[in-house]
Structure formats: structure tokens, C-alpha cells
Amino acid sequence: MTMSSHLQELRRKHSALAEKVEAAQRSPSADELAIGEMKKQKLRLKEEIERLSQN
């Protein structure tokens, strides 16, 4: 896998996770713990994208 395709896949995962977080937050029976975990995962992806983009 090339660096470019790896970054593209990370961005795709980040975007999909962002959509899941937004959908979960709109749900009246939202699981705040699960939302928090998704947000942490999203942040880790963002940090990895930024780290790899700087190289």
C-alpha cells in the first residue's frame, strides 16, 4: 500500500466515523460512552493523518 492510498483510507475511515458520531448524537437513546470512544478513535485517526502528512 502506498503512502497516498494509506492516507486516503485513513481519511475515509475518519469521515465514516464522523458520520457515525453525528448520527449517534442525534439519537434520543444515545450511548454517551460509545460516542466518547468513537470520538477518541476519530481523534487518533486525525492525529495519524496529520503525522503522516507531515513526512
PDB file of N, CA and C in Angstrom:
ATOM      1  N   MET A   1       0.859  -1.181   0.000  1.00  0.00           N
ATOM      2  CA  MET A   1       0.000   0.000   0.000  1.00  0.00           C
ATOM      3  C   MET A   1       0.904   1.242   0.000  1.00  0.00           C
ATOM      4  N   THR A   2       0.624   2.142  -0.886  1.00  0.00           N
ATOM      5  CA  THR A   2       1.411   3.368  -0.940  1.00  0.00           C
ATOM      6  C   THR A   2       0.976   4.321   0.165  1.00  0.00           C
ATOM      7  N   MET A   3       1.843   5.283   0.451  1.00  0.00           N
ATOM      8  CA  MET A   3       1.533   6.263   1.495  1.00  0.00           C
ATOM      9  C   MET A   3       0.262   7.034   1.130  1.00  0.00           C
ATOM     10  N   SER A   4       0.135   7.379  -0.129  1.00  0.00           N
ATOM     11  CA  SER A   4      -1.034   8.135  -0.583  1.00  0.00           C
ATOM     12  C   SER A   4      -2.327   7.333  -0.379  1.00  0.00           C
ATOM     13  N   SER A   5      -2.301   6.067  -0.741  1.00  0.00           N
ATOM     14  CA  SER A   5      -3.515   5.253  -0.578  1.00  0.00           C
ATOM     15  C   SER A   5      -3.805   4.989   0.898  1.00  0.00           C
ATOM     16  N   HIS A   6      -2.749   4.878   1.711  1.00  0.00           N
ATOM     17  CA  HIS A   6      -2.930   4.698   3.151  1.00  0.00           C
ATOM     18  C   HIS A   6      -3.597   5.942   3.749  1.00  0.00           C
ATOM     19  N   LEU A   7      -3.118   7.120   3.390  1.00  0.00           N
ATOM     20  CA  LEU A   7      -3.716   8.367   3.870  1.00  0.00           C
ATOM     21  C   LEU A   7      -5.169   8.486   3.418  1.00  0.00           C
ATOM     22  N   GLN A   8      -5.418   8.110   2.183  1.00  0.00           N
ATOM     23  CA  GLN A   8      -6.780   8.169   1.653  1.00  0.00           C
ATOM     24  C   GLN A   8      -7.705   7.244   2.448  1.00  0.00           C
ATOM     25  N   GLU A   9      -7.225   6.052   2.796  1.00  0.00           N
ATOM     26  CA  GLU A   9      -8.024   5.115   3.582  1.00  0.00           C
ATOM     27  C   GLU A   9      -8.267   5.654   4.989  1.00  0.00           C
ATOM     28  N   LEU A  10      -7.254   6.261   5.601  1.00  0.00           N
ATOM     29  CA  LEU A  10      -7.425   6.849   6.933  1.00  0.00           C
ATOM     30  C   LEU A  10      -8.445   7.978   6.893  1.00  0.00           C
ATOM     31  N   ARG A  11      -8.399   8.803   5.866  1.00  0.00           N
ATOM     32  CA  ARG A  11      -9.374   9.898   5.724  1.00  0.00           C
ATOM     33  C   ARG A  11     -10.783   9.356   5.537  1.00  0.00           C
ATOM     34  N   ARG A  12     -10.900   8.259   4.791  1.00  0.00           N
ATOM     35  CA  ARG A  12     -12.213   7.637   4.576  1.00  0.00           C
ATOM     36  C   ARG A  12     -12.756   7.116   5.910  1.00  0.00           C
ATOM     37  N   LYS A  13     -11.911   6.451   6.688  1.00  0.00           N
ATOM     38  CA  LYS A  13     -12.338   5.934   7.989  1.00  0.00           C
ATOM     39  C   LYS A  13     -12.734   7.076   8.923  1.00  0.00           C
ATOM     40  N   HIS A  14     -11.973   8.168   8.896  1.00  0.00           N
ATOM     41  CA  HIS A  14     -12.260   9.329   9.744  1.00  0.00           C
ATOM     42  C   HIS A  14     -13.624   9.913   9.379  1.00  0.00           C
ATOM     43  N   SER A  15     -13.871  10.049   8.097  1.00  0.00           N
ATOM     44  CA  SER A  15     -15.137  10.605   7.628  1.00  0.00           C
ATOM     45  C   SER A  15     -16.319   9.702   8.016  1.00  0.00           C
ATOM     46  N   ALA A  16     -16.157   8.401   7.844  1.00  0.00           N
ATOM     47  CA  ALA A  16     -17.222   7.465   8.194  1.00  0.00           C
ATOM     48  C   ALA A  16     -17.497   7.504   9.692  1.00  0.00           C
ATOM     49  N   LEU A  17     -16.440   7.614  10.471  1.00  0.00           N
ATOM     50  CA  LEU A  17     -16.606   7.678  11.925  1.00  0.00           C
ATOM     51  C   LEU A  17     -17.290   8.979  12.339  1.00  0.00           C
ATOM     52  N   ALA A  18     -16.955  10.071  11.663  1.00  0.00           N
ATOM     53  CA  ALA A  18     -17.596  11.357  11.951  1.00  0.00           C
ATOM     54  C   ALA A  18     -19.108  11.256  11.706  1.00  0.00           C
ATOM     55  N   GLU A  19     -19.487  10.585  10.635  1.00  0.00           N
ATOM     56  CA  GLU A  19     -20.913  10.409  10.329  1.00  0.00           C
ATOM     57  C   GLU A  19     -21.597   9.551  11.397  1.00  0.00           C
ATOM     58  N   LYS A  20     -20.908   8.500  11.868  1.00  0.00           N
ATOM     59  CA  LYS A  20     -21.483   7.646  12.912  1.00  0.00           C
ATOM     60  C   LYS A  20     -21.667   8.417  14.212  1.00  0.00           C
ATOM     61  N   VAL A  21     -20.694   9.264  14.544  1.00  0.00           N
ATOM     62  CA  VAL A  21     -20.787  10.068  15.766  1.00  0.00           C
ATOM     63  C   VAL A  21     -21.978  11.020  15.670  1.00  0.00           C
ATOM     64  N   GLU A  22     -22.101  11.697  14.537  1.00  0.00           N
ATOM     65  CA  GLU A  22     -23.209  12.640  14.357  1.00  0.00           C
ATOM     66  C   GLU A  22     -24.558  11.922  14.451  1.00  0.00           C
ATOM     67  N   ALA A  23     -24.659  10.759  13.829  1.00  0.00           N
ATOM     68  CA  ALA A  23     -25.912  10.007  13.872  1.00  0.00           C
ATOM     69  C   ALA A  23     -26.219   9.560  15.296  1.00  0.00           C
ATOM     70  N   ALA A  24     -25.213   9.111  16.013  1.00  0.00           N
ATOM     71  CA  ALA A  24     -25.419   8.659  17.393  1.00  0.00           C
ATOM     72  C   ALA A  24     -25.839   9.817  18.294  1.00  0.00           C
ATOM     73  N   GLN A  25     -25.278  10.996  18.054  1.00  0.00           N
ATOM     74  CA  GLN A  25     -25.619  12.153  18.880  1.00  0.00           C
ATOM     75  C   GLN A  25     -27.049  12.622  18.634  1.00  0.00           C
ATOM     76  N   ARG A  26     -27.570  12.368  17.453  1.00  0.00           N
ATOM     77  CA  ARG A  26     -28.948  12.757  17.143  1.00  0.00           C
ATOM     78  C   ARG A  26     -29.960  11.777  17.725  1.00  0.00           C
ATOM     79  N   SER A  27     -29.491  10.586  18.057  1.00  0.00           N
ATOM     80  CA  SER A  27     -30.380   9.547  18.573  1.00  0.00           C
ATOM     81  C   SER A  27     -30.798   9.870  20.008  1.00  0.00           C
ATOM     82  N   PRO A  28     -32.092   9.738  20.302  1.00  0.00           N
ATOM     83  CA  PRO A  28     -32.548  10.035  21.664  1.00  0.00           C
ATOM     84  C   PRO A  28     -32.004   9.036  22.699  1.00  0.00           C
ATOM     85  N   SER A  29     -31.667   7.847  22.259  1.00  0.00           N
ATOM     86  CA  SER A  29     -31.140   6.838  23.181  1.00  0.00           C
ATOM     87  C   SER A  29     -29.623   6.697  23.008  1.00  0.00           C
ATOM     88  N   ALA A  30     -28.957   7.818  22.824  1.00  0.00           N
ATOM     89  CA  ALA A  30     -27.525   7.810  22.571  1.00  0.00           C
ATOM     90  C   ALA A  30     -26.743   7.260  23.748  1.00  0.00           C
ATOM     91  N   ASP A  31     -25.787   6.407  23.445  1.00  0.00           N
ATOM     92  CA  ASP A  31     -24.884   5.845  24.447  1.00  0.00           C
ATOM     93  C   ASP A  31     -23.665   6.753  24.522  1.00  0.00           C
ATOM     94  N   GLU A  32     -23.633   7.594  25.547  1.00  0.00           N
ATOM     95  CA  GLU A  32     -22.565   8.596  25.667  1.00  0.00           C
ATOM     96  C   GLU A  32     -21.175   7.959  25.752  1.00  0.00           C
ATOM     97  N   LEU A  33     -21.077   6.803  26.373  1.00  0.00           N
ATOM     98  CA  LEU A  33     -19.792   6.122  26.480  1.00  0.00           C
ATOM     99  C   LEU A  33     -19.310   5.675  25.098  1.00  0.00           C
ATOM    100  N   ALA A  34     -20.212   5.115  24.313  1.00  0.00           N
ATOM    101  CA  ALA A  34     -19.859   4.679  22.963  1.00  0.00           C
ATOM    102  C   ALA A  34     -19.489   5.875  22.091  1.00  0.00           C
ATOM    103  N   ILE A  35     -20.225   6.962  22.232  1.00  0.00           N
ATOM    104  CA  ILE A  35     -19.922   8.174  21.469  1.00  0.00           C
ATOM    105  C   ILE A  35     -18.541   8.689  21.849  1.00  0.00           C
ATOM    106  N   GLY A  36     -18.228   8.683  23.128  1.00  0.00           N
ATOM    107  CA  GLY A  36     -16.916   9.124  23.582  1.00  0.00           C
ATOM    108  C   GLY A  36     -15.799   8.276  23.008  1.00  0.00           C
ATOM    109  N   GLU A  37     -16.009   6.969  22.945  1.00  0.00           N
ATOM    110  CA  GLU A  37     -14.997   6.074  22.376  1.00  0.00           C
ATOM    111  C   GLU A  37     -14.819   6.335  20.883  1.00  0.00           C
ATOM    112  N   MET A  38     -15.922   6.567  20.182  1.00  0.00           N
ATOM    113  CA  MET A  38     -15.829   6.869  18.745  1.00  0.00           C
ATOM    114  C   MET A  38     -15.073   8.178  18.531  1.00  0.00           C
ATOM    115  N   LYS A  39     -15.323   9.170  19.385  1.00  0.00           N
ATOM    116  CA  LYS A  39     -14.626  10.452  19.265  1.00  0.00           C
ATOM    117  C   LYS A  39     -13.128  10.288  19.511  1.00  0.00           C
ATOM    118  N   LYS A  40     -12.767   9.447  20.473  1.00  0.00           N
ATOM    119  CA  LYS A  40     -11.342   9.192  20.730  1.00  0.00           C
ATOM    120  C   LYS A  40     -10.690   8.514  19.530  1.00  0.00           C
ATOM    121  N   GLN A  41     -11.393   7.544  18.953  1.00  0.00           N
ATOM    122  CA  GLN A  41     -10.869   6.844  17.790  1.00  0.00           C
ATOM    123  C   GLN A  41     -10.715   7.811  16.615  1.00  0.00           C
ATOM    124  N   LYS A  42     -11.697   8.681  16.457  1.00  0.00           N
ATOM    125  CA  LYS A  42     -11.659   9.685  15.395  1.00  0.00           C
ATOM    126  C   LYS A  42     -10.457  10.614  15.582  1.00  0.00           C
ATOM    127  N   LEU A  43     -10.193  11.025  16.816  1.00  0.00           N
ATOM    128  CA  LEU A  43      -9.058  11.892  17.111  1.00  0.00           C
ATOM    129  C   LEU A  43      -7.744  11.179  16.816  1.00  0.00           C
ATOM    130  N   ARG A  44      -7.648   9.893  17.177  1.00  0.00           N
ATOM    131  CA  ARG A  44      -6.422   9.133  16.884  1.00  0.00           C
ATOM    132  C   ARG A  44      -6.182   9.062  15.381  1.00  0.00           C
ATOM    133  N   LEU A  45      -7.249   8.842  14.619  1.00  0.00           N
ATOM    134  CA  LEU A  45      -7.122   8.812  13.162  1.00  0.00           C
ATOM    135  C   LEU A  45      -6.647  10.163  12.635  1.00  0.00           C
ATOM    136  N   LYS A  46      -7.233  11.242  13.144  1.00  0.00           N
ATOM    137  CA  LYS A  46      -6.858  12.582  12.700  1.00  0.00           C
ATOM    138  C   LYS A  46      -5.383  12.854  12.994  1.00  0.00           C
ATOM    139  N   GLU A  47      -4.940  12.467  14.202  1.00  0.00           N
ATOM    140  CA  GLU A  47      -3.544  12.680  14.572  1.00  0.00           C
ATOM    141  C   GLU A  47      -2.605  11.872  13.678  1.00  0.00           C
ATOM    142  N   GLU A  48      -2.986  10.636  13.349  1.00  0.00           N
ATOM    143  CA  GLU A  48      -2.151   9.820  12.470  1.00  0.00           C
ATOM    144  C   GLU A  48      -2.109  10.410  11.068  1.00  0.00           C
ATOM    145  N   ILE A  49      -3.246  10.902  10.586  1.00  0.00           N
ATOM    146  CA  ILE A  49      -3.291  11.540   9.262  1.00  0.00           C
ATOM    147  C   ILE A  49      -2.358  12.740   9.238  1.00  0.00           C
ATOM    148  N   GLU A  50      -2.433  13.578  10.266  1.00  0.00           N
ATOM    149  CA  GLU A  50      -1.574  14.764  10.324  1.00  0.00           C
ATOM    150  C   GLU A  50      -0.105  14.383  10.409  1.00  0.00           C
ATOM    151  N   ARG A  51       0.210  13.370  11.214  1.00  0.00           N
ATOM    152  CA  ARG A  51       1.598  12.932  11.377  1.00  0.00           C
ATOM    153  C   ARG A  51       2.162  12.412  10.054  1.00  0.00           C
ATOM    154  N   LEU A  52       1.385  11.593   9.357  1.00  0.00           N
ATOM    155  CA  LEU A  52       1.841  11.030   8.093  1.00  0.00           C
ATOM    156  C   LEU A  52       1.906  12.075   6.984  1.00  0.00           C
ATOM    157  N   SER A  53       1.028  13.067   7.061  1.00  0.00           N
ATOM    158  CA  SER A  53       1.016  14.126   6.035  1.00  0.00           C
ATOM    159  C   SER A  53       2.234  15.032   6.127  1.00  0.00           C
ATOM    160  N   GLN A  54       2.824  15.123   7.317  1.00  0.00           N
ATOM    161  CA  GLN A  54       3.988  15.998   7.501  1.00  0.00           C
ATOM    162  C   GLN A  54       5.266  15.369   6.966  1.00  0.00           C
ATOM    163  N   ASN A  55       5.287  14.063   6.796  1.00  0.00           N
ATOM    164  CA  ASN A  55       6.512  13.382   6.314  1.00  0.00           C
ATOM    165  C   ASN A  55       6.657  13.463   4.833  1.00  0.00           C
TER     166      ASN A  55
END
